Amino acid sequence: MQTVIDLSRLRHNIRRFRALTHNEFCAVVKSNAYGHGFAVAKYIEPLVDCFMVATADEAFELSALVNKPILSLGGEIYPFTRVYSPQIIPTVCDVNGLNAVVKSGYNRFSVAVNTGMNRLGADEQRLNEIVSYCKQNDIMPWSVYSHLYAMSAAPEQASEFERLTADKILQAKRHLYCSTALDLPGFNLYDMTRSGIAMYGYHTGMDICMRVRARIVELAHVERGSHVGYGDYILDRDATIATVRCGYADGLRRTDKQLYMTVRGVKCKIVGMPCMDLCMIDVTGIPCRIGEFAYLISSKEDTEYLAKCYGTIVYEVLTGFNGRSERIYM
């Protein structure tokens, strides 16, 4: 399977996002850039102010590719006490974590604030302790941020964010909104916005950057009444069946819903259950050849349809192509 990344679309999306928000831009490239691959970071670095990842391992890996600051989300402090990198900005949620990263040499750090999601972040008491520590040691956070748990909660969480970050110490590079910023006209977007899913094209006015395809490796005429694949799938008519080099080990999941791949602009049913490494599609009447591509994703609608069939969200579909898929950057 191949994931083909259109870098011109990615750069267009970033420019479009920045034109709408008018503040600093943080490119979210966690989970291998939502399945697009860490390598995209080096192609977009001139257009962004910083990057955001989820784990210390991601931060250290990304630091070998780019020079801009890398903000690592909260949850882990220990890895940063073992390795120092001036490019990386760890997130702290309490004074113990702050003390640990400062003593490990990090003079830049971010503070996560809990405004209602109750996942990670300092509550009011912990924030007061962090402020006291900063004043005693004459330091300031590099940034202070929180995260929305629902669009409907934006006004309430923004109000809580304002209240909790009222101290001057906590007003350095504040950021609350990610791709949701595009849906909140008139809101105070603070000093920076973070973008993941919109940057990769899944928002109105943006273009998807990744197509997913695999090669046809076999073509066969199969008679009505014959089995195809594992299980009990039986053809109800004579058909031309193409075997395609992708399966559930590549991110094409097994489901009881009807899935499709596109060949020469025609949607073709996946017949039988996807195997680990292969799947079969009905290409009856399509003059295709061995070696050409069948597309699992060629449009935003394809990704959304897969998410619906899998009973999940677009994010999970995209990050599912992190295995052995070959990435091609155009």
Protein backbone atom coordinates (compact mmCIF):
# COMPACT_ATOMS: atom_id res chain seq x y z
CA MET A 1 0.00 0.00 0.00
CA GLN A 2 1.12 3.56 -0.66
CA THR A 3 0.13 6.81 1.00
CA VAL A 4 0.77 9.66 -1.44
CA ILE A 5 1.19 13.06 0.23
CA ASP A 6 0.56 16.21 -1.79
CA LEU A 7 2.86 18.76 -0.15
CA SER A 8 1.52 21.69 -2.17
CA ARG A 9 -1.93 21.07 -0.69
CA LEU A 10 -0.47 20.84 2.79
CA ARG A 11 1.31 24.16 2.38
CA HIS A 12 -1.84 25.74 0.92
CA ASN A 13 -3.84 24.60 3.95
CA ILE A 14 -1.35 26.16 6.35
CA ARG A 15 -1.37 29.47 4.50
CA ARG A 16 -5.17 29.43 4.46
CA PHE A 17 -5.33 28.64 8.17
CA ARG A 18 -2.92 31.44 9.07
CA ALA A 19 -4.86 33.94 6.96
CA LEU A 20 -7.99 33.10 8.95
CA THR A 21 -6.50 33.14 12.46
CA HIS A 22 -3.88 35.95 12.23
CA ASN A 23 -1.65 34.60 14.99
CA GLU A 24 1.20 32.13 15.45
CA PHE A 25 0.76 28.67 13.99
CA CYS A 26 1.66 25.39 15.68
CA ALA A 27 1.70 22.37 13.34
CA VAL A 28 0.47 19.25 15.12
CA VAL A 29 2.48 16.30 13.80
CA LYS A 30 1.87 13.74 16.54
CA SER A 31 1.13 10.11 15.60
CA ASN A 32 3.44 10.33 12.62
CA ALA A 33 1.67 13.46 11.38
CA TYR A 34 -1.77 11.80 11.50
CA GLY A 35 -0.49 9.04 9.23
CA HIS A 36 1.15 11.47 6.78
CA GLY A 37 4.66 10.78 8.13
CA PHE A 38 7.05 12.86 10.21
CA ALA A 39 8.91 13.82 7.03
CA VAL A 40 6.19 16.37 6.22
CA ALA A 41 7.61 18.55 8.99
CA LYS A 42 10.76 19.45 7.08
CA TYR A 43 8.69 20.52 4.07
CA ILE A 44 6.44 22.86 6.04
CA GLU A 45 8.95 24.23 8.57
CA PRO A 46 9.30 27.67 6.87
CA LEU A 47 5.52 28.18 7.20
CA VAL A 48 5.11 27.34 10.89
CA ASP A 49 6.26 28.77 14.22
CA CYS A 50 6.58 25.49 16.07
CA PHE A 51 5.55 21.85 16.09
CA MET A 52 3.54 19.77 18.55
CA VAL A 53 3.95 16.07 19.31
CA ALA A 54 2.45 13.73 21.91
CA THR A 55 5.40 11.86 23.38
CA ALA A 56 9.05 12.32 24.26
CA ASP A 57 10.07 9.71 21.69
CA GLU A 58 8.25 11.67 18.98
CA ALA A 59 9.92 14.88 20.14
CA PHE A 60 13.41 13.43 20.00
CA GLU A 61 12.77 11.85 16.59
CA LEU A 62 11.39 15.09 15.17
CA SER A 63 14.32 17.13 16.53
CA ALA A 64 16.55 15.36 14.01
CA LEU A 65 14.43 16.69 11.13
CA VAL A 66 13.58 20.30 12.03
CA ASN A 67 15.05 23.30 13.86
CA LYS A 68 11.87 25.05 15.07
CA PRO A 69 10.67 24.55 18.68
CA ILE A 70 8.92 21.25 19.43
CA LEU A 71 6.21 21.31 22.08
CA SER A 72 5.67 17.92 23.70
CA LEU A 73 2.25 17.37 25.26
CA GLY A 74 1.92 16.42 28.91
CA GLY A 75 1.85 13.04 30.56
CA GLU A 76 5.53 12.11 30.70
CA ILE A 77 8.31 13.91 32.50
CA TYR A 78 10.82 11.11 33.17
CA PRO A 79 12.24 10.86 29.59
CA PHE A 80 13.18 14.54 29.70
CA THR A 81 15.13 14.04 32.91
CA ARG A 82 17.34 11.55 31.06
CA VAL A 83 17.96 13.45 27.81
CA TYR A 84 18.26 17.19 27.31
CA SER A 85 17.43 18.88 24.01
CA PRO A 86 17.22 22.68 23.88
CA GLN A 87 14.81 22.46 20.94
CA ILE A 88 12.17 20.52 22.89
CA ILE A 89 9.66 22.18 25.19
CA PRO A 90 8.22 19.73 27.73
CA THR A 91 4.75 20.22 29.21
CA VAL A 92 4.30 20.28 32.98
CA CYS A 93 1.12 19.96 35.00
CA ASP A 94 2.45 20.44 38.52
CA VAL A 95 5.38 21.90 40.41
CA ASN A 96 7.12 18.53 40.80
CA GLY A 97 7.24 18.08 37.05
CA LEU A 98 8.39 21.66 36.59
CA ASN A 99 11.18 21.21 39.12
CA ALA A 100 12.31 18.01 37.39
CA VAL A 101 12.60 19.52 33.91
CA VAL A 102 14.23 22.72 35.18
CA LYS A 103 16.85 20.72 37.07
CA SER A 104 17.45 18.68 33.91
CA GLY A 105 18.44 21.85 32.04
CA TYR A 106 15.19 22.82 30.34
CA ASN A 107 14.77 26.59 30.58
CA ARG A 108 11.73 26.45 28.25
CA PHE A 109 8.61 24.62 29.24
CA SER A 110 4.85 24.80 28.76
CA VAL A 111 2.08 24.58 31.33
CA ALA A 112 -1.10 22.61 30.59
CA VAL A 113 -4.24 23.97 32.27
CA ASN A 114 -7.30 21.88 33.07
CA THR A 115 -10.35 23.87 31.95
CA GLY A 116 -12.83 21.02 32.15
CA MET A 117 -11.67 18.13 30.00
CA ASN A 118 -10.08 16.42 33.03
CA ARG A 119 -7.51 14.58 30.94
CA LEU A 120 -4.26 16.40 31.72
CA GLY A 121 -3.57 19.82 33.14
CA ALA A 122 -3.07 21.80 36.32
CA ASP A 123 -6.03 22.84 38.43
CA GLU A 124 -6.11 26.16 40.26
CA GLN A 125 -4.10 24.98 43.26
CA ARG A 126 -1.36 23.46 41.12
CA LEU A 127 -1.23 26.58 38.97
CA ASN A 128 -0.70 28.72 42.06
CA GLU A 129 2.18 26.46 43.08
CA ILE A 130 3.69 26.72 39.58
CA VAL A 131 3.39 30.52 39.65
CA SER A 132 5.12 30.67 43.05
CA TYR A 133 7.93 28.43 41.81
CA CYS A 134 8.41 30.58 38.71
CA LYS A 135 8.57 33.78 40.73
CA GLN A 136 11.02 32.28 43.20
CA ASN A 137 13.30 31.09 40.40
CA ASP A 138 12.78 34.07 38.07
CA ILE A 139 11.51 31.96 35.16
CA MET A 140 8.43 31.99 32.93
CA PRO A 141 6.67 29.33 30.85
CA TRP A 142 7.33 29.30 27.12
CA SER A 143 3.61 28.77 26.62
CA VAL A 144 0.42 28.09 28.58
CA TYR A 145 -2.43 26.13 27.03
CA SER A 146 -5.58 24.10 27.44
CA HIS A 147 -7.82 22.07 25.13
CA LEU A 148 -11.51 22.09 24.22
CA TYR A 149 -13.52 18.95 24.89
CA ALA A 150 -16.55 20.10 22.83
CA MET A 151 -17.39 23.02 20.57
CA SER A 152 -20.46 23.78 22.69
CA ALA A 153 -18.19 24.22 25.71
CA ALA A 154 -15.92 26.79 24.03
CA PRO A 155 -17.35 29.90 25.76
CA GLU A 156 -17.30 28.24 29.19
CA GLN A 157 -13.79 26.85 28.78
CA ALA A 158 -12.46 30.12 27.37
CA SER A 159 -13.83 31.94 30.40
CA GLU A 160 -12.21 29.41 32.73
CA PHE A 161 -8.93 29.67 30.82
CA GLU A 162 -8.98 33.45 31.25
CA ARG A 163 -9.63 33.12 34.97
CA LEU A 164 -6.96 30.50 35.59
CA THR A 165 -4.27 32.31 33.57
CA ALA A 166 -4.91 35.78 34.98
CA ASP A 167 -1.46 35.97 36.60
CA LYS A 168 1.09 37.67 34.32
CA ILE A 169 3.40 34.67 34.70
CA LEU A 170 0.81 32.52 32.89
CA GLN A 171 0.19 34.86 29.96
CA ALA A 172 3.21 33.96 27.84
CA LYS A 173 2.11 32.58 24.45
CA ARG A 174 -1.34 31.32 25.45
CA HIS A 175 -3.15 28.88 23.18
CA LEU A 176 -6.51 27.21 23.67
CA TYR A 177 -7.80 26.29 20.22
CA CYS A 178 -6.72 23.78 17.63
CA SER A 179 -8.48 23.27 14.27
CA THR A 180 -11.68 24.31 16.05
CA ALA A 181 -10.45 27.90 15.81
CA LEU A 182 -11.82 27.99 12.28
CA ASP A 183 -15.33 27.42 13.63
CA LEU A 184 -15.18 30.16 16.26
CA PRO A 185 -15.32 33.53 14.48
CA GLY A 186 -15.09 36.45 16.85
CA PHE A 187 -13.41 34.45 19.63
CA ASN A 188 -10.15 35.61 21.19
CA LEU A 189 -7.69 33.18 19.62
CA TYR A 190 -4.89 34.24 21.99
CA ASP A 191 -1.27 34.14 20.82
CA MET A 192 -1.19 30.89 18.88
CA THR A 193 -3.46 28.25 17.37
CA ARG A 194 -2.66 24.59 16.85
CA SER A 195 -3.77 22.69 13.80
CA GLY A 196 -3.83 18.99 13.06
CA ILE A 197 -6.86 17.69 11.22
CA ALA A 198 -7.60 20.95 9.33
CA MET A 199 -3.98 21.23 8.25
CA TYR A 200 -4.28 17.80 6.64
CA GLY A 201 -7.39 18.90 4.78
CA TYR A 202 -10.36 17.79 6.84
CA HIS A 203 -12.16 21.08 7.20
CA THR A 204 -14.24 23.30 4.93
CA GLY A 205 -12.01 25.19 2.51
CA MET A 206 -9.06 22.84 2.97
CA ASP A 207 -7.77 20.19 0.57
CA ILE A 208 -6.94 16.66 1.71
CA CYS A 209 -3.25 15.94 1.39
CA MET A 210 -3.14 12.15 1.41
CA ARG A 211 -4.37 9.58 -1.07
CA VAL A 212 -4.16 5.87 -0.24
CA ARG A 213 -3.66 3.33 -2.97
CA ALA A 214 -2.40 -0.19 -3.67
CA ARG A 215 -1.43 -2.12 -6.78
CA ILE A 216 -3.50 -4.76 -8.50
CA VAL A 217 -1.38 -7.93 -8.46
CA GLU A 218 -3.76 -10.44 -10.03
CA LEU A 219 -6.79 -10.52 -12.34
CA ALA A 220 -9.03 -13.54 -12.73
CA HIS A 221 -12.40 -14.48 -14.25
CA VAL A 222 -14.42 -16.14 -11.49
CA GLU A 223 -17.68 -17.91 -12.16
CA ARG A 224 -21.00 -17.35 -10.43
CA GLY A 225 -21.36 -19.51 -7.32
CA SER A 226 -17.62 -19.46 -6.53
CA HIS A 227 -16.14 -18.42 -3.17
CA VAL A 228 -13.94 -15.33 -2.89
CA GLY A 229 -11.60 -14.95 0.06
CA TYR A 230 -12.00 -16.34 3.55
CA GLY A 231 -15.42 -17.23 4.90
CA ASP A 232 -18.64 -17.79 3.02
CA TYR A 233 -18.75 -15.01 0.42
CA ILE A 234 -20.16 -16.42 -2.85
CA LEU A 235 -20.44 -14.57 -6.17
CA ASP A 236 -23.99 -14.13 -7.44
CA ARG A 237 -22.75 -13.61 -11.03
CA ASP A 238 -19.70 -14.19 -13.19
CA ALA A 239 -17.11 -11.52 -12.36
CA THR A 240 -13.61 -10.27 -12.98
CA ILE A 241 -11.86 -10.20 -9.63
CA ALA A 242 -8.74 -8.12 -9.00
CA THR A 243 -6.48 -9.01 -6.10
CA VAL A 244 -5.01 -5.87 -4.54
CA ARG A 245 -1.85 -5.66 -2.44
CA CYS A 246 -3.37 -4.33 0.78
CA GLY A 247 -5.06 -5.86 3.79
CA TYR A 248 -5.81 -5.32 7.43
CA ALA A 249 -2.09 -5.20 8.27
CA ASP A 250 -1.94 -2.09 6.08
CA GLY A 251 -4.90 -0.26 7.62
CA LEU A 252 -7.79 -1.70 5.59
CA ARG A 253 -10.01 -3.04 8.35
CA ARG A 254 -12.39 -5.97 8.33
CA THR A 255 -16.01 -4.87 8.67
CA ASP A 256 -19.48 -6.14 7.84
CA LYS A 257 -20.15 -2.92 5.90
CA GLN A 258 -19.61 -2.68 2.14
CA LEU A 259 -16.22 -1.15 1.32
CA TYR A 260 -14.95 0.09 -2.04
CA MET A 261 -11.77 0.90 -3.93
CA THR A 262 -11.67 3.14 -6.99
CA VAL A 263 -10.15 1.92 -10.26
CA ARG A 264 -10.03 4.24 -13.28
CA GLY A 265 -12.58 6.49 -11.62
CA VAL A 266 -15.05 3.67 -10.95
CA LYS A 267 -16.00 2.55 -7.43
CA CYS A 268 -15.43 -1.20 -7.14
CA LYS A 269 -16.81 -3.37 -4.36
CA ILE A 270 -14.40 -5.13 -2.06
CA VAL A 271 -15.67 -8.70 -2.12
CA GLY A 272 -15.13 -11.16 0.69
CA MET A 273 -13.21 -10.22 3.82
CA PRO A 274 -9.88 -8.37 3.51
CA CYS A 275 -6.96 -10.69 4.29
CA MET A 276 -3.87 -9.65 6.23
CA ASP A 277 -1.97 -8.67 3.09
CA LEU A 278 -4.49 -8.70 0.24
CA CYS A 279 -8.06 -7.89 -0.67
CA MET A 280 -10.23 -8.68 -3.66
CA ILE A 281 -12.35 -6.24 -5.64
CA ASP A 282 -14.93 -6.70 -8.39
CA VAL A 283 -13.63 -4.94 -11.53
CA THR A 284 -16.08 -6.49 -14.00
CA GLY A 285 -16.27 -4.36 -17.15
CA ILE A 286 -13.29 -2.16 -16.24
CA PRO A 287 -10.31 -2.50 -18.63
CA CYS A 288 -7.71 -2.46 -15.85
CA ARG A 289 -4.35 -4.20 -15.79
CA ILE A 290 -2.05 -5.87 -13.32
CA GLY A 291 0.30 -3.25 -11.85
CA GLU A 292 -2.08 -0.30 -11.85
CA PHE A 293 -3.49 1.27 -8.71
CA ALA A 294 -6.77 0.86 -6.90
CA TYR A 295 -7.51 3.78 -4.55
CA LEU A 296 -8.90 3.30 -1.06
CA ILE A 297 -8.86 7.07 -0.40
CA SER A 298 -8.91 9.63 -3.19
CA SER A 299 -11.27 12.19 -1.63
CA LYS A 300 -12.44 13.52 1.73
CA GLU A 301 -15.69 11.62 1.21
CA ASP A 302 -13.79 8.32 0.94
CA THR A 303 -12.18 8.85 4.35
CA GLU A 304 -15.46 9.87 5.92
CA TYR A 305 -17.17 6.81 4.45
CA LEU A 306 -14.48 4.52 5.86
CA ALA A 307 -14.88 6.12 9.29
CA LYS A 308 -18.63 5.53 9.13
CA CYS A 309 -18.17 1.89 8.13
CA TYR A 310 -15.60 1.32 10.86
CA GLY A 311 -17.77 3.05 13.47
CA THR A 312 -15.05 5.54 14.29
CA ILE A 313 -13.70 8.98 13.32
CA VAL A 314 -11.51 10.30 10.49
CA TYR A 315 -8.54 10.71 12.87
CA GLU A 316 -8.46 6.98 13.59
CA VAL A 317 -8.72 6.06 9.91
CA LEU A 318 -5.76 8.30 8.99
CA THR A 319 -3.51 7.16 11.83
CA GLY A 320 -4.26 3.55 10.88
CA PHE A 321 -1.85 3.81 7.94
CA ASN A 322 1.23 3.94 10.16
CA GLY A 323 2.42 0.40 9.54
CA ARG A 324 4.14 -0.81 6.42
CA SER A 325 2.62 1.67 3.99
CA GLU A 326 5.13 3.28 1.65
CA ARG A 327 4.94 7.07 1.81
CA ILE A 328 5.47 9.12 -1.31
CA TYR A 329 5.86 12.91 -1.10
CA MET A 330 4.93 14.99 -4.11
